[in-house]
């Protein structure tokens, strides 16, 4: 049967998932792009900014552990709707961070939060709300993909909607500084945050479970359900204890890999606007083009990273061993970030390109490390293992963010803030090789879990 005869409504759903992921990354990046403006306005130190960024990362880490199970219980349509409502509200209330901070300090100041500036408290609260909602994006999108695509098309559909993360990272520096310049920082949070509600209108109008979808042909529904009797799919809803999963080295391999490397991506997202200001005095609309170019490079990693292991698989390696070989080569690429500071005196474009290559390698690494879970674990355990690893990655991000803030403040007082960036870039460069070495030590050869 031809593609035209089958129908293609499922790709409309994929487009909705793509735009939701784009909005997700737009919302989370507004703060980092406004950091130079806000730190001047409110007198933040780098450590205080790190507290704000860490509030997002820590909350996101905890929420990721439960998001998948909550989405399963609520259903895809309702669960995704609530996720974007919560994160859009969280994005918008950043514009009200000052009165929120005053209310929180007056209401619960006895906890010790009163020691922080009002603005820091308000932004920490706003980031936490944003994180709770955003944690639902990927579990809901992955679930929707499983509902609307047969097994053979899911990786392609996932790759398409996941590329929204890169598009969001590109669009943010092209829009946020311009909005701030013309309408103020509050408008940036309000306008970008409101986009989520626009997406929600289309989601409610166009999404239903496939069997209830009136816009889809019977032939396409049959095509989607063509592998419904697959045993790997049949056990999807069975739950596996987190504690039981922690007894496997495969779980710890994935968890350590996420812990070591997720924070690198968070660092690039949350600190690069500050880096351009500290190193090159670039603020406002000046950072638009460099950051857009940098994040555009990540598209190469997203597109090519998932395909790369097939080179080794076609040579006869099993999926896991081929993937690990590809990941070793990918782990070498971020070493170029070591040259960002030594060569940065020539032109700001050199560190922008080198960091962009490192960030692109991260996206390639990320595409593969997630797939190591499905290589090893039965389908019923994948969501829980990914949740455990996601939480570890979030905690790793908190640690890197807090260390970065402390280093930048320390070396700023000494008049050598560039040393702080040199140290952080060095970690970003070697983190993947460390992660790969530990993962390979824990699971040296392909060993799927068969006793769950």
Protein backbone atom coordinates (compact mmCIF):
# COMPACT_ATOMS: atom_id res chain seq x y z
CA UNK A 1 0.00 0.00 0.00
CA UNK A 2 1.36 3.42 -0.95
CA UNK A 3 1.98 6.18 1.58
CA UNK A 4 -0.78 8.22 -0.07
CA UNK A 5 -3.27 5.35 0.33
CA UNK A 6 -2.28 4.86 3.98
CA UNK A 7 -2.62 8.52 4.88
CA UNK A 8 -0.31 10.84 6.80
CA UNK A 9 -2.26 12.37 9.67
CA UNK A 10 0.26 10.92 12.12
CA UNK A 11 2.78 13.46 10.81
CA UNK A 12 0.44 16.26 11.85
CA UNK A 13 0.79 14.94 15.39
CA UNK A 14 4.55 14.78 14.94
CA UNK A 15 4.51 18.45 13.89
CA UNK A 16 2.60 19.35 17.07
CA UNK A 17 5.22 17.54 19.15
CA UNK A 18 7.99 19.38 17.29
CA UNK A 19 6.46 22.79 18.01
CA UNK A 20 5.84 21.91 21.66
CA UNK A 21 9.49 20.97 22.09
CA UNK A 22 10.52 24.20 20.37
CA UNK A 23 8.39 26.21 22.80
CA UNK A 24 9.83 24.17 25.67
CA UNK A 25 13.38 25.26 24.85
CA UNK A 26 12.35 28.83 24.07
CA UNK A 27 10.85 29.22 27.53
CA UNK A 28 13.78 27.76 29.43
CA UNK A 29 16.34 29.97 27.64
CA UNK A 30 14.78 33.39 28.22
CA UNK A 31 16.44 33.82 31.62
CA UNK A 32 19.97 33.04 30.44
CA UNK A 33 19.65 35.47 27.55
CA UNK A 34 18.44 38.21 29.92
CA UNK A 35 21.05 37.42 32.57
CA UNK A 36 23.34 40.37 31.67
CA UNK A 37 20.39 42.77 31.87
CA UNK A 38 18.94 41.31 35.06
CA UNK A 39 22.23 41.09 36.94
CA UNK A 40 22.84 44.78 36.25
CA UNK A 41 19.30 45.68 37.30
CA UNK A 42 19.17 43.57 40.47
CA UNK A 43 22.87 43.35 41.34
CA UNK A 44 23.07 39.57 41.18
CA UNK A 45 26.35 37.77 41.72
CA UNK A 46 27.18 34.75 39.58
CA UNK A 47 26.48 32.54 42.60
CA UNK A 48 22.99 34.03 42.97
CA UNK A 49 22.30 33.46 39.28
CA UNK A 50 23.53 29.88 39.81
CA UNK A 51 20.98 29.53 42.65
CA UNK A 52 18.22 30.57 40.26
CA UNK A 53 19.38 28.24 37.48
CA UNK A 54 19.82 25.39 39.96
CA UNK A 55 16.24 25.81 41.19
CA UNK A 56 15.13 24.86 37.67
CA UNK A 57 17.57 21.97 37.32
CA UNK A 58 16.90 20.43 40.72
CA UNK A 59 13.12 20.65 40.36
CA UNK A 60 13.34 19.31 36.81
CA UNK A 61 15.45 16.39 38.02
CA UNK A 62 12.93 15.37 40.68
CA UNK A 63 9.93 15.94 38.41
CA UNK A 64 11.46 13.82 35.64
CA UNK A 65 11.43 10.83 37.96
CA UNK A 66 7.62 10.99 38.21
CA UNK A 67 6.53 12.72 34.99
CA UNK A 68 6.25 9.58 32.87
CA UNK A 69 4.04 7.76 35.36
CA UNK A 70 1.82 10.82 35.81
CA UNK A 71 1.41 11.17 32.04
CA UNK A 72 0.53 7.45 31.83
CA UNK A 73 -2.15 7.89 34.49
CA UNK A 74 -3.69 11.08 33.06
CA UNK A 75 -3.46 10.09 29.41
CA UNK A 76 -1.49 11.79 26.65
CA UNK A 77 -3.94 14.54 25.71
CA UNK A 78 -4.77 15.67 29.23
CA UNK A 79 -1.24 15.13 30.56
CA UNK A 80 0.41 17.17 27.80
CA UNK A 81 -2.19 19.91 28.19
CA UNK A 82 -1.49 20.28 31.91
CA UNK A 83 2.26 20.17 31.31
CA UNK A 84 2.20 23.11 28.92
CA UNK A 85 -0.28 25.06 31.07
CA UNK A 86 2.03 24.75 34.08
CA UNK A 87 5.24 25.57 32.22
CA UNK A 88 3.63 28.51 30.36
CA UNK A 89 2.38 29.95 33.64
CA UNK A 90 5.85 29.39 35.09
CA UNK A 91 7.41 31.24 32.14
CA UNK A 92 5.00 34.18 32.40
CA UNK A 93 5.29 34.71 36.17
CA UNK A 94 9.00 35.47 35.77
CA UNK A 95 7.72 38.94 34.87
CA UNK A 96 6.18 39.12 38.36
CA UNK A 97 9.24 37.76 40.16
CA UNK A 98 9.65 40.79 42.44
CA UNK A 99 6.19 40.74 44.10
CA UNK A 100 6.38 36.93 44.24
CA UNK A 101 9.71 37.16 46.04
CA UNK A 102 8.36 39.70 48.50
CA UNK A 103 5.37 37.47 49.23
CA UNK A 104 7.47 34.36 49.73
CA UNK A 105 9.92 36.09 52.05
CA UNK A 106 7.16 37.62 54.16
CA UNK A 107 5.26 34.34 54.21
CA UNK A 108 8.01 31.78 54.86
CA UNK A 109 11.03 33.89 55.72
CA UNK A 110 11.61 31.83 58.85
CA UNK A 111 12.94 28.99 56.71
CA UNK A 112 16.00 31.07 55.92
CA UNK A 113 14.96 32.23 52.48
CA UNK A 114 14.92 35.79 53.78
CA UNK A 115 18.71 35.81 53.51
CA UNK A 116 18.35 35.96 49.70
CA UNK A 117 17.40 39.08 47.72
CA UNK A 118 13.72 39.39 46.83
CA UNK A 119 14.46 39.11 43.10
CA UNK A 120 16.44 35.88 43.55
CA UNK A 121 13.65 34.28 45.58
CA UNK A 122 11.01 35.29 43.04
CA UNK A 123 12.97 33.97 40.08
CA UNK A 124 13.80 30.72 41.90
CA UNK A 125 10.08 30.14 42.50
CA UNK A 126 9.25 30.93 38.86
CA UNK A 127 11.97 28.58 37.60
CA UNK A 128 10.67 25.77 39.82
CA UNK A 129 7.14 26.11 38.38
CA UNK A 130 8.60 26.18 34.85
CA UNK A 131 10.58 23.01 35.58
CA UNK A 132 7.59 21.08 36.91
CA UNK A 133 5.69 21.68 33.67
CA UNK A 134 8.63 21.21 31.31
CA UNK A 135 9.47 17.83 32.83
CA UNK A 136 6.29 16.52 31.21
CA UNK A 137 7.25 17.43 27.64
CA UNK A 138 9.46 14.51 26.64
CA UNK A 139 7.48 11.74 28.42
CA UNK A 140 4.27 13.01 26.79
CA UNK A 141 5.88 13.39 23.37
CA UNK A 142 7.42 9.93 23.51
CA UNK A 143 4.07 8.45 24.58
CA UNK A 144 2.25 10.26 21.75
CA UNK A 145 4.81 8.92 19.28
CA UNK A 146 4.24 5.38 20.53
CA UNK A 147 0.49 5.85 20.09
CA UNK A 148 0.62 7.32 16.57
CA UNK A 149 3.54 5.54 14.90
CA UNK A 150 4.36 1.90 14.19
CA UNK A 151 7.61 0.68 15.70
CA UNK A 152 9.61 1.05 12.48
CA UNK A 153 8.82 4.79 12.23
CA UNK A 154 9.19 5.82 15.86
CA UNK A 155 12.90 6.63 15.88
CA UNK A 156 12.46 8.88 12.83
CA UNK A 157 9.45 10.64 14.36
CA UNK A 158 11.31 11.04 17.66
CA UNK A 159 14.27 12.55 15.82
CA UNK A 160 11.98 15.07 14.15
CA UNK A 161 10.23 16.29 17.30
CA UNK A 162 13.47 16.22 19.31
CA UNK A 163 15.04 18.61 16.78
CA UNK A 164 12.62 21.19 18.17
CA UNK A 165 15.07 21.53 21.07
CA UNK A 166 17.70 22.81 18.67
CA UNK A 167 15.27 25.06 16.84
CA UNK A 168 14.15 26.55 20.16
CA UNK A 169 17.78 27.11 21.13
CA UNK A 170 18.31 28.94 17.82
CA UNK A 171 15.13 31.04 17.91
CA UNK A 172 15.61 32.20 21.50
CA UNK A 173 18.71 34.38 20.90
CA UNK A 174 17.10 35.72 17.72
CA UNK A 175 13.96 36.90 19.53
CA UNK A 176 14.51 37.48 23.25
CA UNK A 177 17.20 40.21 23.06
CA UNK A 178 15.14 42.07 20.43
CA UNK A 179 11.99 41.94 22.56
CA UNK A 180 13.93 43.12 25.63
CA UNK A 181 15.48 46.00 23.72
CA UNK A 182 12.17 47.30 22.37
CA UNK A 183 9.65 46.37 25.07
CA UNK A 184 11.58 45.49 28.23
CA UNK A 185 12.60 42.31 30.04
CA UNK A 186 9.14 41.60 31.44
CA UNK A 187 7.69 41.55 27.92
CA UNK A 188 10.17 38.87 26.89
CA UNK A 189 8.86 36.51 29.59
CA UNK A 190 5.22 37.40 28.90
CA UNK A 191 5.36 37.04 25.10
CA UNK A 192 7.48 33.89 24.92
CA UNK A 193 5.50 32.31 27.76
CA UNK A 194 2.17 33.00 26.07
CA UNK A 195 3.19 31.07 22.94
CA UNK A 196 2.52 27.84 24.84
CA UNK A 197 -1.17 28.66 25.15
CA UNK A 198 -1.35 29.19 21.39
CA UNK A 199 0.11 25.69 20.88
CA UNK A 200 -2.38 24.27 23.38
CA UNK A 201 -5.30 25.45 21.22
CA UNK A 202 -4.05 23.35 18.29
CA UNK A 203 -3.23 20.39 20.54
CA UNK A 204 -6.76 20.25 21.95
CA UNK A 205 -8.25 20.66 18.49
CA UNK A 206 -6.16 18.07 16.64
CA UNK A 207 -5.14 15.38 19.15
CA UNK A 208 -7.21 12.35 20.10
CA UNK A 209 -6.25 8.75 20.67
CA UNK A 210 -5.81 7.13 17.24
CA UNK A 211 -8.86 4.93 17.67
CA UNK A 212 -10.99 8.05 18.36
CA UNK A 213 -9.37 10.25 15.71
CA UNK A 214 -11.99 11.25 13.13
CA UNK A 215 -9.46 12.98 10.87
CA UNK A 216 -7.50 9.79 10.27
CA UNK A 217 -8.34 7.06 7.77
CA UNK A 218 -9.02 3.47 8.75
CA UNK A 219 -6.07 2.40 6.59
CA UNK A 220 -3.70 4.64 8.56
CA UNK A 221 -5.05 3.34 11.87
CA UNK A 222 -4.44 -0.23 10.70
CA UNK A 223 -0.92 0.75 9.65
CA UNK A 224 -0.21 2.30 13.08
CA UNK A 225 -1.48 -0.85 14.81
CA UNK A 226 0.33 -3.22 12.45
CA UNK A 227 2.76 -4.32 15.16
CA UNK A 228 0.32 -4.13 18.09
CA UNK A 229 0.84 -7.80 18.84
CA UNK A 230 4.59 -7.35 19.18
CA UNK A 231 5.59 -8.72 22.59
CA UNK A 232 7.91 -5.78 23.15
CA UNK A 233 4.90 -3.50 22.91
CA UNK A 234 2.51 -5.69 24.86
CA UNK A 235 4.30 -5.21 28.18
CA UNK A 236 4.49 -1.41 27.99
CA UNK A 237 2.17 -0.69 30.90
CA UNK A 238 3.73 -3.12 33.37
CA UNK A 239 5.60 -1.30 36.16
CA UNK A 240 9.05 -2.22 37.42
CA UNK A 241 10.36 -1.18 40.84
CA UNK A 242 13.01 1.57 40.80
CA UNK A 243 14.88 -0.25 43.57
CA UNK A 244 15.01 -3.44 41.52
CA UNK A 245 16.39 -1.54 38.54
CA UNK A 246 19.16 -0.06 40.70
CA UNK A 247 20.47 -3.58 41.19
CA UNK A 248 21.67 -3.71 37.58
CA UNK A 249 25.01 -2.36 36.35
CA UNK A 250 23.26 -1.36 33.13
CA UNK A 251 21.13 1.11 35.08
CA UNK A 252 24.18 2.60 36.74
CA UNK A 253 26.04 2.86 33.43
CA UNK A 254 23.26 4.95 31.91
CA UNK A 255 22.79 6.95 35.11
CA UNK A 256 26.48 7.85 35.41
CA UNK A 257 26.64 8.77 31.73
CA UNK A 258 23.75 11.20 32.20
CA UNK A 259 25.16 12.56 35.46
CA UNK A 260 28.49 13.42 33.86
CA UNK A 261 27.26 14.89 30.58
CA UNK A 262 23.81 16.48 30.99
CA UNK A 263 25.33 19.30 33.00
CA UNK A 264 27.56 20.23 30.06
CA UNK A 265 24.49 20.97 27.93
CA UNK A 266 22.89 22.91 30.80
CA UNK A 267 26.11 24.90 31.18
CA UNK A 268 26.12 25.82 27.51
CA UNK A 269 22.45 26.85 27.67
CA UNK A 270 22.59 28.85 30.89
CA UNK A 271 26.06 30.46 30.83
CA UNK A 272 27.04 31.26 27.25
CA UNK A 273 25.30 34.68 27.16
CA UNK A 274 27.18 35.55 30.36
CA UNK A 275 30.43 34.29 28.79
CA UNK A 276 30.03 36.58 25.78
CA UNK A 277 29.45 39.52 28.12
CA UNK A 278 32.32 38.71 30.50
CA UNK A 279 34.87 37.92 27.80
CA UNK A 280 33.86 40.21 24.95
CA UNK A 281 31.53 42.82 26.46
CA UNK A 282 28.66 41.66 24.23
CA UNK A 283 25.11 42.27 25.46
CA UNK A 284 21.57 42.63 24.14
CA UNK A 285 21.15 42.16 20.41
CA UNK A 286 24.93 41.76 19.96
CA UNK A 287 24.70 38.14 21.11
CA UNK A 288 21.88 37.22 18.72
CA UNK A 289 23.93 36.09 15.73
CA UNK A 290 26.79 34.32 17.60
CA UNK A 291 24.40 32.23 19.70
CA UNK A 292 22.14 31.47 16.74
CA UNK A 293 25.17 30.22 14.78
CA UNK A 294 26.42 28.22 17.77
CA UNK A 295 23.13 26.42 18.35
CA UNK A 296 22.63 25.90 14.60
CA UNK A 297 25.72 23.70 14.69
CA UNK A 298 23.94 21.38 17.11
CA UNK A 299 21.59 20.34 14.31
CA UNK A 300 24.44 18.37 12.74
CA UNK A 301 24.86 16.34 15.93
CA UNK A 302 21.13 15.76 16.26
CA UNK A 303 20.75 14.55 12.70
CA UNK A 304 23.98 12.60 12.32
CA UNK A 305 24.48 11.28 15.84
CA UNK A 306 21.67 8.77 15.80
CA UNK A 307 22.67 7.45 12.38
CA UNK A 308 26.38 7.08 13.13
CA UNK A 309 26.18 3.68 14.95
CA UNK A 310 24.65 2.07 11.86
CA UNK A 311 28.11 2.26 10.26
CA UNK A 312 29.40 -0.23 12.82
CA UNK A 313 26.16 -2.23 12.98
CA UNK A 314 26.37 -2.75 9.20
CA UNK A 315 29.87 -4.13 9.75
CA UNK A 316 28.45 -6.88 11.95
CA UNK A 317 28.50 -5.39 15.46
CA UNK A 318 25.40 -5.82 17.61
CA UNK A 319 23.45 -2.63 18.35
CA UNK A 320 25.01 -1.95 21.76
CA UNK A 321 28.62 -2.61 20.79
CA UNK A 322 28.24 -0.56 17.61
CA UNK A 323 26.67 2.25 19.60
CA UNK A 324 29.46 2.25 22.17
CA UNK A 325 32.10 2.42 19.43
CA UNK A 326 30.29 5.39 17.92
CA UNK A 327 29.98 7.04 21.34
CA UNK A 328 33.72 6.72 21.93
CA UNK A 329 34.45 8.67 18.76
CA UNK A 330 31.74 11.19 19.65
CA UNK A 331 33.29 11.59 23.13
CA UNK A 332 36.58 12.69 21.56
CA UNK A 333 35.01 15.60 19.63
CA UNK A 334 34.32 17.88 22.66
CA UNK A 335 38.09 18.05 23.28
CA UNK A 336 38.09 20.93 20.77
CA UNK A 337 36.49 23.07 23.51
CA UNK A 338 39.89 23.04 25.26
CA UNK A 339 41.09 25.47 22.58
CA UNK A 340 38.23 27.95 23.09
CA UNK A 341 40.04 30.11 25.63
CA UNK A 342 43.62 29.93 24.27
CA UNK A 343 42.41 30.95 20.79
CA UNK A 344 39.62 33.27 21.94
CA UNK A 345 41.85 36.32 21.82
CA UNK A 346 41.93 36.16 18.01
CA UNK A 347 38.17 36.54 17.57
CA UNK A 348 35.02 35.71 19.52
CA UNK A 349 33.96 33.59 16.54
CA UNK A 350 36.62 30.99 17.35
CA UNK A 351 35.18 29.99 20.76
CA UNK A 352 31.66 30.28 19.33
CA UNK A 353 32.49 27.73 16.61
CA UNK A 354 34.49 25.43 18.90
CA UNK A 355 31.82 25.43 21.62
CA UNK A 356 29.21 24.88 18.90
CA UNK A 357 31.11 21.77 17.78
CA UNK A 358 31.23 20.56 21.39
CA UNK A 359 27.50 21.20 21.82
CA UNK A 360 26.82 19.36 18.56
CA UNK A 361 28.77 16.39 19.90
CA UNK A 362 26.62 16.48 23.02
CA UNK A 363 23.46 16.14 20.92
CA UNK A 364 25.00 13.17 19.10
CA UNK A 365 25.98 11.63 22.44
CA UNK A 366 22.51 12.26 23.86
CA UNK A 367 20.79 10.53 20.94
CA UNK A 368 22.88 7.42 21.57
CA UNK A 369 22.95 7.26 25.35
CA UNK A 370 19.15 7.18 25.45
CA UNK A 371 19.15 4.29 23.02
CA UNK A 372 21.52 2.24 25.17
CA UNK A 373 18.56 1.82 27.53
CA UNK A 374 16.37 0.23 24.87
CA UNK A 375 19.37 -1.90 23.83
CA UNK A 376 19.56 -3.41 27.32
CA UNK A 377 16.14 -3.27 28.97
CA UNK A 378 12.70 -4.65 28.09
CA UNK A 379 10.17 -2.02 27.03
CA UNK A 380 8.33 -2.10 30.35
CA UNK A 381 11.43 -0.81 32.18
CA UNK A 382 12.65 1.82 29.73
CA UNK A 383 10.59 4.71 31.11
CA UNK A 384 11.71 4.09 34.68
CA UNK A 385 15.40 3.75 33.74
CA UNK A 386 15.23 6.93 31.67
CA UNK A 387 13.60 8.68 34.64
CA UNK A 388 16.38 7.58 36.98
CA UNK A 389 19.03 8.75 34.51
CA UNK A 390 17.17 12.01 33.90
CA UNK A 391 17.17 12.76 37.61
CA UNK A 392 20.90 12.01 37.80
CA UNK A 393 21.51 14.30 34.83
CA UNK A 394 19.57 17.10 36.52
CA UNK A 395 21.56 16.72 39.73
CA UNK A 396 24.77 16.77 37.72
CA UNK A 397 23.55 19.99 36.13
CA UNK A 398 22.91 21.55 39.55
CA UNK A 399 26.45 20.71 40.66
CA UNK A 400 28.05 22.13 37.52
CA UNK A 401 25.95 25.29 37.69
CA UNK A 402 26.76 25.91 41.36
CA UNK A 403 30.48 25.25 40.84
CA UNK A 404 30.49 27.54 37.81
CA UNK A 405 28.83 30.39 39.70
CA UNK A 406 31.28 30.09 42.60
CA UNK A 407 34.30 29.96 40.26
CA UNK A 408 33.19 32.97 38.26
CA UNK A 409 32.61 35.06 41.39
CA UNK A 410 35.96 34.00 42.84
CA UNK A 411 38.01 34.82 39.76
CA UNK A 412 35.99 37.96 39.04
CA UNK A 413 37.14 39.36 42.41
CA UNK A 414 40.72 38.54 41.40
CA UNK A 415 40.26 40.24 38.04
CA UNK A 416 40.73 36.99 36.09
CA UNK A 417 37.22 35.72 35.37
CA UNK A 418 38.55 34.11 32.18
CA UNK A 419 40.30 31.53 34.41
CA UNK A 420 36.90 30.40 35.69
CA UNK A 421 35.70 29.80 32.15
CA UNK A 422 38.92 27.96 31.29
CA UNK A 423 38.30 25.53 34.16
CA UNK A 424 34.66 24.97 33.24
CA UNK A 425 35.42 24.49 29.54
CA UNK A 426 38.09 21.94 30.47
CA UNK A 427 35.52 19.88 32.34
CA UNK A 428 33.05 20.16 29.46
CA UNK A 429 35.76 18.87 27.12
CA UNK A 430 36.69 15.72 29.06
CA UNK A 431 33.33 14.80 30.65
CA UNK A 432 32.30 12.51 27.80
CA UNK A 433 35.47 10.44 27.81
CA UNK A 434 35.15 9.98 31.58
CA UNK A 435 31.50 8.98 31.18
CA UNK A 436 32.26 6.54 28.36
CA UNK A 437 35.10 4.90 30.31
CA UNK A 438 32.91 4.26 33.36
CA UNK A 439 30.00 3.04 31.22
CA UNK A 440 32.28 0.64 29.35
CA UNK A 441 33.78 -0.62 32.63
CA UNK A 442 30.34 -1.30 34.10
CA UNK A 443 28.98 -2.97 30.95
CA UNK A 444 31.95 -4.08 28.82
CA UNK A 445 29.83 -6.13 26.39
CA UNK A 446 26.25 -6.41 25.29
CA UNK A 447 24.26 -7.95 28.13
CA UNK A 448 20.49 -7.46 27.88
CA UNK A 449 18.28 -7.76 30.96
CA UNK A 450 16.07 -10.82 30.71
CA UNK A 451 14.86 -11.43 34.26
CA UNK A 452 12.48 -8.49 34.80
